[in-house]
């Protein structure tokens, strides 16, 4: 049943994402470009969460194998592009 907990956490995060992103857009006080300004900060949050956090985990783990096959890198990069494009 762990999958259900994670599924519910995902639903909660995505739902809150929409609410907070809209609040951020309004908080920018720019009716024309506020949504892009808010999305810029979403990108900064993605960088912190998706780049720095895993990097710290890999650096802490002394047994990290730093080899990364090209296929895995490109597929993961493409997945990230699709996710970011969907959010945009």
N, C-alpha and C. Protein backbone atom coordinates (compact mmCIF):
# COMPACT_ATOMS: atom_id res chain seq x y z
N UNK A 1 0.81 -1.21 0.00
CA UNK A 1 0.00 0.00 0.00
C UNK A 1 0.85 1.27 0.00
N UNK A 2 2.19 1.12 0.02
CA UNK A 2 3.05 2.30 -0.03
C UNK A 2 2.80 3.13 -1.28
N UNK A 3 2.47 2.47 -2.37
CA UNK A 3 2.24 3.18 -3.63
C UNK A 3 1.10 4.17 -3.50
N UNK A 4 0.09 3.83 -2.70
CA UNK A 4 -1.06 4.71 -2.52
C UNK A 4 -0.65 5.99 -1.78
N UNK A 5 0.20 5.85 -0.80
CA UNK A 5 0.68 7.03 -0.07
C UNK A 5 1.44 7.95 -1.02
N UNK A 6 2.32 7.37 -1.83
CA UNK A 6 3.09 8.18 -2.77
C UNK A 6 2.19 8.80 -3.84
N UNK A 7 1.18 8.08 -4.28
CA UNK A 7 0.25 8.64 -5.27
C UNK A 7 -0.52 9.82 -4.67
N UNK A 8 -0.96 9.68 -3.44
CA UNK A 8 -1.68 10.78 -2.79
C UNK A 8 -0.77 11.98 -2.53
N UNK A 9 0.49 11.72 -2.19
CA UNK A 9 1.44 12.81 -2.02
C UNK A 9 1.66 13.55 -3.33
N UNK A 10 1.70 12.82 -4.44
CA UNK A 10 1.87 13.43 -5.76
C UNK A 10 0.68 14.30 -6.09
N UNK A 11 -0.52 13.80 -5.86
CA UNK A 11 -1.73 14.58 -6.12
C UNK A 11 -1.73 15.85 -5.28
N UNK A 12 -1.37 15.73 -4.01
CA UNK A 12 -1.34 16.90 -3.13
C UNK A 12 -0.30 17.92 -3.61
N UNK A 13 0.87 17.45 -3.98
CA UNK A 13 1.92 18.37 -4.45
C UNK A 13 1.51 19.08 -5.73
N UNK A 14 0.97 18.34 -6.68
CA UNK A 14 0.57 18.98 -7.94
C UNK A 14 -0.59 19.95 -7.72
N UNK A 15 -1.50 19.59 -6.86
CA UNK A 15 -2.61 20.50 -6.57
C UNK A 15 -2.13 21.78 -5.90
N UNK A 16 -1.25 21.64 -4.93
CA UNK A 16 -0.69 22.82 -4.27
C UNK A 16 0.19 23.62 -5.21
N UNK A 17 0.87 22.95 -6.13
CA UNK A 17 1.71 23.63 -7.12
C UNK A 17 0.87 24.65 -7.90
N UNK A 18 -0.28 24.23 -8.36
CA UNK A 18 -1.15 25.13 -9.13
C UNK A 18 -1.61 26.33 -8.32
N UNK A 19 -1.98 26.08 -7.08
CA UNK A 19 -2.45 27.16 -6.21
C UNK A 19 -1.32 28.15 -5.93
N UNK A 20 -0.16 27.65 -5.55
CA UNK A 20 0.95 28.54 -5.21
C UNK A 20 1.52 29.24 -6.44
N UNK A 21 1.54 28.56 -7.59
CA UNK A 21 2.03 29.22 -8.80
C UNK A 21 1.12 30.38 -9.17
N UNK A 22 -0.17 30.18 -9.07
CA UNK A 22 -1.11 31.27 -9.36
C UNK A 22 -0.91 32.42 -8.36
N UNK A 23 -0.75 32.09 -7.09
CA UNK A 23 -0.51 33.13 -6.09
C UNK A 23 0.78 33.88 -6.39
N UNK A 24 1.81 33.15 -6.84
CA UNK A 24 3.07 33.79 -7.21
C UNK A 24 2.91 34.72 -8.40
N UNK A 25 2.11 34.29 -9.39
CA UNK A 25 1.86 35.14 -10.55
C UNK A 25 1.18 36.44 -10.14
N UNK A 26 0.17 36.32 -9.31
CA UNK A 26 -0.55 37.50 -8.82
C UNK A 26 0.39 38.37 -7.99
N UNK A 27 1.23 37.74 -7.19
CA UNK A 27 2.16 38.46 -6.33
C UNK A 27 3.22 39.22 -7.11
N UNK A 28 3.43 38.88 -8.37
CA UNK A 28 4.40 39.61 -9.19
C UNK A 28 3.88 40.99 -9.60
N UNK A 29 2.58 41.19 -9.48
CA UNK A 29 1.94 42.48 -9.80
C UNK A 29 2.25 42.95 -11.22
N UNK A 30 2.28 41.99 -12.12
CA UNK A 30 2.51 42.30 -13.53
C UNK A 30 1.50 41.47 -14.34
N UNK A 31 0.39 42.08 -14.76
CA UNK A 31 -0.67 41.30 -15.42
C UNK A 31 -0.24 40.69 -16.76
N UNK A 32 0.80 41.22 -17.37
CA UNK A 32 1.21 40.70 -18.68
C UNK A 32 2.32 39.66 -18.59
N UNK A 33 3.29 39.89 -17.73
CA UNK A 33 4.43 38.98 -17.68
C UNK A 33 4.61 38.30 -16.33
N UNK A 34 3.66 38.49 -15.43
CA UNK A 34 3.76 37.90 -14.10
C UNK A 34 3.88 36.40 -14.11
N UNK A 35 3.18 35.76 -15.04
CA UNK A 35 3.25 34.29 -15.10
C UNK A 35 4.64 33.80 -15.47
N UNK A 36 5.35 34.55 -16.32
CA UNK A 36 6.69 34.15 -16.71
C UNK A 36 7.71 34.44 -15.61
N UNK A 37 7.48 35.54 -14.91
CA UNK A 37 8.35 35.85 -13.78
C UNK A 37 8.21 34.78 -12.69
N UNK A 38 6.99 34.37 -12.41
CA UNK A 38 6.77 33.32 -11.41
C UNK A 38 7.38 32.00 -11.88
N UNK A 39 7.25 31.70 -13.16
CA UNK A 39 7.79 30.44 -13.69
C UNK A 39 9.31 30.43 -13.64
N UNK A 40 9.92 31.61 -13.73
CA UNK A 40 11.38 31.70 -13.58
C UNK A 40 11.80 31.17 -12.21
N UNK A 41 11.04 31.51 -11.19
CA UNK A 41 11.36 31.03 -9.84
C UNK A 41 11.02 29.56 -9.68
N UNK A 42 10.06 29.06 -10.42
CA UNK A 42 9.81 27.63 -10.45
C UNK A 42 11.05 26.92 -11.00
N UNK A 43 11.65 27.50 -12.03
CA UNK A 43 12.88 26.94 -12.60
C UNK A 43 14.01 26.91 -11.59
N UNK A 44 14.14 27.96 -10.81
CA UNK A 44 15.17 28.00 -9.77
C UNK A 44 14.90 26.90 -8.74
N UNK A 45 13.63 26.73 -8.38
CA UNK A 45 13.27 25.66 -7.43
C UNK A 45 13.56 24.29 -8.02
N UNK A 46 13.28 24.10 -9.32
CA UNK A 46 13.62 22.84 -9.98
C UNK A 46 15.11 22.59 -9.90
N UNK A 47 15.91 23.62 -10.13
CA UNK A 47 17.36 23.46 -10.09
C UNK A 47 17.80 22.99 -8.71
N UNK A 48 17.29 23.65 -7.68
CA UNK A 48 17.66 23.28 -6.31
C UNK A 48 17.24 21.84 -6.01
N UNK A 49 16.00 21.52 -6.37
CA UNK A 49 15.44 20.22 -6.03
C UNK A 49 15.99 19.09 -6.91
N UNK A 50 16.12 19.36 -8.21
CA UNK A 50 16.45 18.28 -9.15
C UNK A 50 17.94 18.21 -9.50
N UNK A 51 18.71 19.23 -9.14
CA UNK A 51 20.14 19.19 -9.45
C UNK A 51 20.96 19.13 -8.16
N UNK A 52 20.76 20.10 -7.29
CA UNK A 52 21.60 20.17 -6.10
C UNK A 52 21.32 19.03 -5.11
N UNK A 53 20.05 18.72 -4.88
CA UNK A 53 19.73 17.66 -3.90
C UNK A 53 20.29 16.30 -4.32
N UNK A 54 20.08 15.84 -5.57
CA UNK A 54 20.67 14.54 -5.94
C UNK A 54 22.20 14.58 -5.95
N UNK A 55 22.76 15.74 -6.29
CA UNK A 55 24.22 15.86 -6.29
C UNK A 55 24.77 15.68 -4.88
N UNK A 56 24.11 16.27 -3.90
CA UNK A 56 24.53 16.10 -2.51
C UNK A 56 24.43 14.63 -2.10
N UNK A 57 23.33 13.98 -2.47
CA UNK A 57 23.16 12.56 -2.13
C UNK A 57 24.28 11.73 -2.76
N UNK A 58 24.60 12.01 -4.03
CA UNK A 58 25.66 11.25 -4.70
C UNK A 58 27.03 11.54 -4.09
N UNK A 59 27.27 12.78 -3.70
CA UNK A 59 28.55 13.12 -3.09
C UNK A 59 28.71 12.50 -1.70
N UNK A 60 27.62 12.40 -0.96
CA UNK A 60 27.67 11.80 0.38
C UNK A 60 27.94 10.30 0.29
N UNK A 61 27.38 9.66 -0.74
CA UNK A 61 27.58 8.22 -0.92
C UNK A 61 28.96 7.99 -1.51
N UNK A 62 29.87 7.50 -0.69
CA UNK A 62 31.27 7.31 -1.12
C UNK A 62 31.42 6.24 -2.19
N UNK A 63 30.42 5.38 -2.37
CA UNK A 63 30.50 4.30 -3.34
C UNK A 63 29.87 4.67 -4.68
N UNK A 64 29.63 5.95 -4.91
CA UNK A 64 28.97 6.37 -6.15
C UNK A 64 29.84 6.05 -7.36
N UNK A 65 29.23 5.39 -8.31
CA UNK A 65 29.87 5.15 -9.60
C UNK A 65 29.45 6.29 -10.53
N UNK A 66 30.39 7.12 -10.92
CA UNK A 66 30.08 8.34 -11.69
C UNK A 66 29.92 8.07 -13.18
N UNK A 67 30.04 6.82 -13.61
CA UNK A 67 29.82 6.54 -15.04
C UNK A 67 28.32 6.58 -15.32
N UNK A 68 27.96 7.25 -16.42
CA UNK A 68 26.55 7.37 -16.78
C UNK A 68 26.42 7.07 -18.27
N UNK A 69 25.76 5.96 -18.60
CA UNK A 69 25.62 5.59 -20.01
C UNK A 69 24.86 6.65 -20.81
N UNK A 70 25.29 6.87 -22.02
CA UNK A 70 24.69 7.89 -22.88
C UNK A 70 23.19 7.73 -23.05
N UNK A 71 22.73 6.50 -23.26
CA UNK A 71 21.30 6.27 -23.46
C UNK A 71 20.51 6.73 -22.25
N UNK A 72 20.98 6.39 -21.06
CA UNK A 72 20.29 6.79 -19.84
C UNK A 72 20.28 8.30 -19.65
N UNK A 73 21.41 8.94 -20.01
CA UNK A 73 21.48 10.40 -19.88
C UNK A 73 20.51 11.09 -20.83
N UNK A 74 20.50 10.66 -22.10
CA UNK A 74 19.63 11.33 -23.08
C UNK A 74 18.16 11.10 -22.80
N UNK A 75 17.79 9.88 -22.40
CA UNK A 75 16.40 9.61 -22.07
C UNK A 75 15.96 10.42 -20.85
N UNK A 76 16.83 10.53 -19.86
CA UNK A 76 16.51 11.31 -18.67
C UNK A 76 16.41 12.79 -18.99
N UNK A 77 17.31 13.28 -19.85
CA UNK A 77 17.26 14.67 -20.26
C UNK A 77 15.96 14.97 -21.01
N UNK A 78 15.58 14.06 -21.89
CA UNK A 78 14.34 14.24 -22.65
C UNK A 78 13.13 14.22 -21.72
N UNK A 79 13.16 13.34 -20.73
CA UNK A 79 12.07 13.31 -19.75
C UNK A 79 11.98 14.64 -19.01
N UNK A 80 13.11 15.22 -18.66
CA UNK A 80 13.13 16.51 -18.00
C UNK A 80 12.58 17.62 -18.88
N UNK A 81 12.93 17.58 -20.16
CA UNK A 81 12.42 18.57 -21.11
C UNK A 81 10.90 18.45 -21.22
N UNK A 82 10.41 17.22 -21.31
CA UNK A 82 8.95 17.02 -21.40
C UNK A 82 8.25 17.52 -20.14
N UNK A 83 8.83 17.25 -18.98
CA UNK A 83 8.23 17.70 -17.73
C UNK A 83 8.21 19.23 -17.63
N UNK A 84 9.33 19.85 -18.00
CA UNK A 84 9.41 21.31 -17.93
C UNK A 84 8.48 21.96 -18.97
N UNK A 85 8.41 21.36 -20.16
CA UNK A 85 7.51 21.90 -21.18
C UNK A 85 6.05 21.78 -20.74
N UNK A 86 5.73 20.68 -20.09
CA UNK A 86 4.36 20.52 -19.59
C UNK A 86 4.04 21.53 -18.51
N UNK A 87 5.01 21.85 -17.67
CA UNK A 87 4.78 22.84 -16.63
C UNK A 87 4.68 24.24 -17.22
N UNK A 88 5.43 24.49 -18.29
CA UNK A 88 5.42 25.80 -18.93
C UNK A 88 4.09 26.03 -19.63
